[in-house]
PDB file of N, CA and C in Angstrom:
ATOM      1  N   UNK A   1     -94.884 -29.366 124.070  1.00  0.00           N
ATOM      2  CA  UNK A   1     -94.095 -29.197 125.563  1.00  0.00           C
ATOM      3  C   UNK A   1     -92.873 -28.600 125.081  1.00  0.00           C
ATOM      4  N   UNK A   2     -92.338 -27.929 126.846  1.00  0.00           N
ATOM      5  CA  UNK A   2     -90.970 -26.955 126.501  1.00  0.00           C
ATOM      6  C   UNK A   2     -89.958 -27.971 125.877  1.00  0.00           C
ATOM      7  N   UNK A   3     -90.072 -29.225 126.224  1.00  0.00           N
ATOM      8  CA  UNK A   3     -88.728 -29.821 125.399  1.00  0.00           C
ATOM      9  C   UNK A   3     -88.816 -29.731 124.043  1.00  0.00           C
ATOM     10  N   UNK A   4     -89.921 -29.459 123.217  1.00  0.00           N
ATOM     11  CA  UNK A   4     -89.758 -29.306 121.355  1.00  0.00           C
ATOM     12  C   UNK A   4     -89.062 -27.896 121.504  1.00  0.00           C
ATOM     13  N   UNK A   5     -89.172 -27.415 122.384  1.00  0.00           N
ATOM     14  CA  UNK A   5     -88.292 -25.811 122.203  1.00  0.00           C
ATOM     15  C   UNK A   5     -86.875 -26.035 122.295  1.00  0.00           C
ATOM     16  N   UNK A   6     -86.729 -26.806 122.746  1.00  0.00           N
ATOM     17  CA  UNK A   6     -85.347 -27.281 123.498  1.00  0.00           C
ATOM     18  C   UNK A   6     -84.562 -28.087 121.962  1.00  0.00           C
ATOM     19  N   UNK A   7     -85.493 -28.826 121.332  1.00  0.00           N
ATOM     20  CA  UNK A   7     -85.258 -29.152 119.942  1.00  0.00           C
ATOM     21  C   UNK A   7     -84.817 -28.367 118.953  1.00  0.00           C
ATOM     22  N   UNK A   8     -85.427 -27.361 119.044  1.00  0.00           N
ATOM     23  CA  UNK A   8     -84.932 -26.024 117.961  1.00  0.00           C
ATOM     24  C   UNK A   8     -83.698 -26.002 118.347  1.00  0.00           C
ATOM     25  N   UNK A   9     -83.457 -25.346 119.818  1.00  0.00           N
ATOM     26  CA  UNK A   9     -81.943 -24.942 120.153  1.00  0.00           C
ATOM     27  C   UNK A   9     -81.109 -25.878 119.666  1.00  0.00           C
ATOM     28  N   UNK A  10     -81.565 -27.115 119.999  1.00  0.00           N
ATOM     29  CA  UNK A  10     -80.291 -28.229 119.535  1.00  0.00           C
ATOM     30  C   UNK A  10     -80.003 -28.570 117.893  1.00  0.00           C
ATOM     31  N   UNK A  11     -81.125 -28.090 117.401  1.00  0.00           N
ATOM     32  CA  UNK A  11     -80.969 -27.959 115.661  1.00  0.00           C
ATOM     33  C   UNK A  11     -80.105 -26.956 115.231  1.00  0.00           C
ATOM     34  N   UNK A  12     -80.271 -25.650 116.181  1.00  0.00           N
ATOM     35  CA  UNK A  12     -79.464 -24.341 115.562  1.00  0.00           C
ATOM     36  C   UNK A  12     -77.849 -24.762 116.276  1.00  0.00           C
ATOM     37  N   UNK A  13     -77.884 -25.251 117.163  1.00  0.00           N
ATOM     38  CA  UNK A  13     -76.355 -25.629 117.859  1.00  0.00           C
ATOM     39  C   UNK A  13     -76.189 -26.786 118.408  1.00  0.00           C
ATOM     40  N   UNK A  14     -76.209 -28.004 117.847  1.00  0.00           N
ATOM     41  CA  UNK A  14     -76.239 -29.317 118.143  1.00  0.00           C
ATOM     42  C   UNK A  14     -74.929 -29.526 119.798  1.00  0.00           C
ATOM     43  N   UNK A  15     -73.963 -28.851 119.638  1.00  0.00           N
ATOM     44  CA  UNK A  15     -73.170 -29.153 120.812  1.00  0.00           C
ATOM     45  C   UNK A  15     -73.104 -27.866 121.610  1.00  0.00           C
ATOM     46  N   UNK A  16     -74.254 -27.588 122.120  1.00  0.00           N
ATOM     47  CA  UNK A  16     -74.263 -26.405 123.189  1.00  0.00           C
ATOM     48  C   UNK A  16     -73.928 -26.976 124.488  1.00  0.00           C
ATOM     49  N   UNK A  17     -72.983 -26.099 124.623  1.00  0.00           N
ATOM     50  CA  UNK A  17     -72.449 -26.310 126.375  1.00  0.00           C
ATOM     51  C   UNK A  17     -73.642 -26.344 127.238  1.00  0.00           C
ATOM     52  N   UNK A  18     -74.536 -25.164 127.151  1.00  0.00           N
ATOM     53  CA  UNK A  18     -75.441 -24.901 127.892  1.00  0.00           C
ATOM     54  C   UNK A  18     -76.299 -26.286 128.352  1.00  0.00           C
ATOM     55  N   UNK A  19     -76.832 -26.343 127.261  1.00  0.00           N
ATOM     56  CA  UNK A  19     -77.726 -27.691 126.636  1.00  0.00           C
ATOM     57  C   UNK A  19     -77.213 -28.909 127.660  1.00  0.00           C
ATOM     58  N   UNK A  20     -75.922 -29.305 127.365  1.00  0.00           N
ATOM     59  CA  UNK A  20     -75.384 -30.542 127.992  1.00  0.00           C
ATOM     60  C   UNK A  20     -75.352 -30.196 129.766  1.00  0.00           C
ATOM     61  N   UNK A  21     -74.900 -29.030 130.389  1.00  0.00           N
ATOM     62  CA  UNK A  21     -75.210 -28.622 131.562  1.00  0.00           C
ATOM     63  C   UNK A  21     -76.577 -28.925 131.929  1.00  0.00           C
ATOM     64  N   UNK A  22     -77.639 -28.077 131.310  1.00  0.00           N
ATOM     65  CA  UNK A  22     -78.844 -28.472 131.476  1.00  0.00           C
ATOM     66  C   UNK A  22     -79.657 -29.911 131.369  1.00  0.00           C
ATOM     67  N   UNK A  23     -79.201 -30.567 130.589  1.00  0.00           N
ATOM     68  CA  UNK A  23     -79.629 -32.422 130.631  1.00  0.00           C
ATOM     69  C   UNK A  23     -78.817 -32.923 131.659  1.00  0.00           C
ATOM     70  N   UNK A  24     -77.705 -32.826 132.003  1.00  0.00           N
ATOM     71  CA  UNK A  24     -76.566 -33.213 133.119  1.00  0.00           C
ATOM     72  C   UNK A  24     -77.426 -33.154 134.262  1.00  0.00           C
ATOM     73  N   UNK A  25     -77.870 -31.789 134.577  1.00  0.00           N
ATOM     74  CA  UNK A  25     -78.336 -31.591 135.674  1.00  0.00           C
ATOM     75  C   UNK A  25     -79.907 -31.961 136.143  1.00  0.00           C
ATOM     76  N   UNK A  26     -81.113 -31.941 134.771  1.00  0.00           N
ATOM     77  CA  UNK A  26     -81.887 -31.941 135.121  1.00  0.00           C
ATOM     78  C   UNK A  26     -82.606 -33.441 134.787  1.00  0.00           C
ATOM     79  N   UNK A  27     -81.730 -34.026 133.910  1.00  0.00           N
ATOM     80  CA  UNK A  27     -82.291 -35.753 133.317  1.00  0.00           C
ATOM     81  C   UNK A  27     -83.366 -36.178 134.238  1.00  0.00           C
ATOM     82  N   UNK A  28     -82.690 -36.812 135.539  1.00  0.00           N
ATOM     83  CA  UNK A  28     -83.799 -37.396 136.629  1.00  0.00           C
ATOM     84  C   UNK A  28     -85.001 -36.805 136.820  1.00  0.00           C
ATOM     85  N   UNK A  29     -84.886 -35.135 136.823  1.00  0.00           N
ATOM     86  CA  UNK A  29     -86.397 -34.932 137.166  1.00  0.00           C
ATOM     87  C   UNK A  29     -86.961 -34.632 135.674  1.00  0.00           C
ATOM     88  N   UNK A  30     -86.810 -34.836 135.036  1.00  0.00           N
ATOM     89  CA  UNK A  30     -87.576 -34.812 133.646  1.00  0.00           C
ATOM     90  C   UNK A  30     -88.021 -36.378 133.484  1.00  0.00           C
ATOM     91  N   UNK A  31     -87.236 -37.314 134.083  1.00  0.00           N
ATOM     92  CA  UNK A  31     -87.478 -38.815 134.132  1.00  0.00           C
ATOM     93  C   UNK A  31     -88.845 -38.915 135.355  1.00  0.00           C
ATOM     94  N   UNK A  32     -88.498 -38.530 136.172  1.00  0.00           N
ATOM     95  CA  UNK A  32     -89.817 -38.281 137.452  1.00  0.00           C
ATOM     96  C   UNK A  32     -90.858 -37.627 136.954  1.00  0.00           C
ATOM     97  N   UNK A  33     -90.352 -36.596 136.441  1.00  0.00           N
ATOM     98  CA  UNK A  33     -92.030 -35.511 135.800  1.00  0.00           C
ATOM     99  C   UNK A  33     -92.788 -36.188 134.899  1.00  0.00           C
ATOM    100  N   UNK A  34     -92.364 -36.981 134.296  1.00  0.00           N
ATOM    101  CA  UNK A  34     -93.004 -37.481 132.850  1.00  0.00           C
ATOM    102  C   UNK A  34     -92.965 -39.046 132.977  1.00  0.00           C
ATOM    103  N   UNK A  35     -92.978 -39.708 134.048  1.00  0.00           N
ATOM    104  CA  UNK A  35     -93.004 -41.248 134.384  1.00  0.00           C
ATOM    105  C   UNK A  35     -94.710 -41.239 134.504  1.00  0.00           C
ATOM    106  N   UNK A  36     -95.153 -40.291 134.848  1.00  0.00           N
ATOM    107  CA  UNK A  36     -96.648 -40.920 134.886  1.00  0.00           C
ATOM    108  C   UNK A  36     -97.473 -40.400 133.806  1.00  0.00           C
ATOM    109  N   UNK A  37     -97.112 -39.990 132.990  1.00  0.00           N
ATOM    110  CA  UNK A  37     -97.759 -39.337 131.753  1.00  0.00           C
ATOM    111  C   UNK A  37     -98.012 -40.498 130.909  1.00  0.00           C
ATOM    112  N   UNK A  38     -99.377 -40.310 129.903  1.00  0.00           N
ATOM    113  CA  UNK A  38     -99.648 -41.765 129.088  1.00  0.00           C
ATOM    114  C   UNK A  38     -98.495 -41.891 128.017  1.00  0.00           C
ATOM    115  N   UNK A  39     -98.684 -43.436 128.031  1.00  0.00           N
ATOM    116  CA  UNK A  39     -97.783 -43.932 126.836  1.00  0.00           C
ATOM    117  C   UNK A  39     -97.278 -42.934 125.464  1.00  0.00           C
ATOM    118  N   UNK A  40     -98.220 -42.532 125.151  1.00  0.00           N
ATOM    119  CA  UNK A  40     -98.307 -41.785 123.350  1.00  0.00           C
ATOM    120  C   UNK A  40     -97.466 -40.446 124.170  1.00  0.00           C
ATOM    121  N   UNK A  41     -97.573 -39.930 124.554  1.00  0.00           N
ATOM    122  CA  UNK A  41     -97.015 -38.462 125.537  1.00  0.00           C
ATOM    123  C   UNK A  41     -95.510 -38.938 125.667  1.00  0.00           C
ATOM    124  N   UNK A  42     -95.369 -39.883 126.378  1.00  0.00           N
ATOM    125  CA  UNK A  42     -93.797 -40.262 126.832  1.00  0.00           C
ATOM    126  C   UNK A  42     -92.999 -40.876 125.603  1.00  0.00           C
ATOM    127  N   UNK A  43     -94.304 -41.245 124.828  1.00  0.00           N
ATOM    128  CA  UNK A  43     -93.183 -41.776 123.543  1.00  0.00           C
ATOM    129  C   UNK A  43     -92.945 -40.702 122.754  1.00  0.00           C
ATOM    130  N   UNK A  44     -93.609 -39.677 122.467  1.00  0.00           N
ATOM    131  CA  UNK A  44     -93.129 -38.031 122.244  1.00  0.00           C
ATOM    132  C   UNK A  44     -92.102 -37.366 122.560  1.00  0.00           C
ATOM    133  N   UNK A  45     -92.079 -37.762 124.197  1.00  0.00           N
ATOM    134  CA  UNK A  45     -91.103 -36.988 124.674  1.00  0.00           C
ATOM    135  C   UNK A  45     -89.321 -37.791 124.643  1.00  0.00           C
ATOM    136  N   UNK A  46     -89.723 -39.166 124.767  1.00  0.00           N
ATOM    137  CA  UNK A  46     -88.828 -39.749 124.713  1.00  0.00           C
ATOM    138  C   UNK A  46     -87.903 -39.679 123.029  1.00  0.00           C
ATOM    139  N   UNK A  47     -88.882 -39.730 122.301  1.00  0.00           N
ATOM    140  CA  UNK A  47     -88.166 -39.310 120.768  1.00  0.00           C
ATOM    141  C   UNK A  47     -87.506 -37.966 120.516  1.00  0.00           C
ATOM    142  N   UNK A  48     -88.004 -37.211 121.187  1.00  0.00           N
ATOM    143  CA  UNK A  48     -87.154 -35.676 121.214  1.00  0.00           C
ATOM    144  C   UNK A  48     -85.966 -36.392 122.316  1.00  0.00           C
ATOM    145  N   UNK A  49     -86.026 -36.387 123.032  1.00  0.00           N
ATOM    146  CA  UNK A  49     -84.690 -36.584 123.883  1.00  0.00           C
ATOM    147  C   UNK A  49     -83.589 -37.385 123.562  1.00  0.00           C
ATOM    148  N   UNK A  50     -84.168 -38.594 122.865  1.00  0.00           N
ATOM    149  CA  UNK A  50     -83.114 -39.507 122.373  1.00  0.00           C
ATOM    150  C   UNK A  50     -81.947 -38.798 121.009  1.00  0.00           C
ATOM    151  N   UNK A  51     -82.729 -37.737 120.461  1.00  0.00           N
ATOM    152  CA  UNK A  51     -82.017 -36.720 119.905  1.00  0.00           C
ATOM    153  C   UNK A  51     -81.557 -35.848 120.459  1.00  0.00           C
ATOM    154  N   UNK A  52     -81.776 -35.051 121.398  1.00  0.00           N
ATOM    155  CA  UNK A  52     -81.018 -33.711 122.049  1.00  0.00           C
ATOM    156  C   UNK A  52     -80.472 -34.079 123.216  1.00  0.00           C
ATOM    157  N   UNK A  53     -80.405 -35.419 123.660  1.00  0.00           N
ATOM    158  CA  UNK A  53     -80.018 -35.678 124.979  1.00  0.00           C
ATOM    159  C   UNK A  53     -79.673 -37.333 125.159  1.00  0.00           C
ATOM    160  N   UNK A  54     -78.786 -37.683 124.237  1.00  0.00           N
ATOM    161  CA  UNK A  54     -78.120 -39.241 123.720  1.00  0.00           C
ATOM    162  C   UNK A  54     -77.614 -39.799 124.730  1.00  0.00           C
ATOM    163  N   UNK A  55     -77.273 -38.855 125.690  1.00  0.00           N
ATOM    164  CA  UNK A  55     -75.971 -39.412 127.058  1.00  0.00           C
ATOM    165  C   UNK A  55     -77.018 -40.103 128.056  1.00  0.00           C
ATOM    166  N   UNK A  56     -78.112 -39.904 128.341  1.00  0.00           N
ATOM    167  CA  UNK A  56     -79.388 -40.398 129.464  1.00  0.00           C
ATOM    168  C   UNK A  56     -80.110 -41.298 128.232  1.00  0.00           C
ATOM    169  N   UNK A  57     -79.948 -41.665 127.698  1.00  0.00           N
ATOM    170  CA  UNK A  57     -80.850 -42.355 127.182  1.00  0.00           C
ATOM    171  C   UNK A  57     -81.399 -43.549 127.676  1.00  0.00           C
ATOM    172  N   UNK A  58     -80.393 -44.062 128.475  1.00  0.00           N
ATOM    173  CA  UNK A  58     -80.936 -45.341 129.154  1.00  0.00           C
ATOM    174  C   UNK A  58     -82.123 -45.027 130.045  1.00  0.00           C
ATOM    175  N   UNK A  59     -81.631 -43.998 130.757  1.00  0.00           N
ATOM    176  CA  UNK A  59     -82.542 -43.572 131.881  1.00  0.00           C
ATOM    177  C   UNK A  59     -84.099 -43.266 130.886  1.00  0.00           C
ATOM    178  N   UNK A  60     -84.172 -42.531 130.052  1.00  0.00           N
ATOM    179  CA  UNK A  60     -85.181 -42.429 129.134  1.00  0.00           C
ATOM    180  C   UNK A  60     -85.870 -43.931 129.009  1.00  0.00           C
ATOM    181  N   UNK A  61     -85.169 -44.797 128.480  1.00  0.00           N
ATOM    182  CA  UNK A  61     -85.592 -45.876 128.193  1.00  0.00           C
ATOM    183  C   UNK A  61     -86.408 -46.708 129.453  1.00  0.00           C
ATOM    184  N   UNK A  62     -85.710 -46.375 130.795  1.00  0.00           N
ATOM    185  CA  UNK A  62     -86.282 -46.513 131.907  1.00  0.00           C
ATOM    186  C   UNK A  62     -87.855 -45.880 132.174  1.00  0.00           C
ATOM    187  N   UNK A  63     -87.704 -44.678 131.684  1.00  0.00           N
ATOM    188  CA  UNK A  63     -89.106 -43.892 132.103  1.00  0.00           C
ATOM    189  C   UNK A  63     -89.936 -44.462 130.977  1.00  0.00           C
ATOM    190  N   UNK A  64     -89.749 -45.051 129.939  1.00  0.00           N
ATOM    191  CA  UNK A  64     -90.712 -45.579 129.328  1.00  0.00           C
ATOM    192  C   UNK A  64     -91.448 -47.141 129.168  1.00  0.00           C
ATOM    193  N   UNK A  65     -90.398 -47.852 130.154  1.00  0.00           N
ATOM    194  CA  UNK A  65     -90.854 -49.088 130.646  1.00  0.00           C
ATOM    195  C   UNK A  65     -91.753 -48.758 132.018  1.00  0.00           C
ATOM    196  N   UNK A  66     -91.761 -47.418 132.749  1.00  0.00           N
ATOM    197  CA  UNK A  66     -92.699 -47.456 133.866  1.00  0.00           C
ATOM    198  C   UNK A  66     -93.741 -46.722 133.892  1.00  0.00           C
TER     199      UNK A  66
END
């Protein structure tokens, strides 16, 4: 998924302003987009998002419950 590519960007520059702006603007859309996915896919996504966007971890945890 494209989120995996963002993980590469995060590894190169962990405090990227652009990444912070992106996730602040799009975290709700990501949650809604991935809610209907199978549990295995959501787990993979969650594991990546908790690394690259820890500021919205509670929203991603809610996604995992639904």
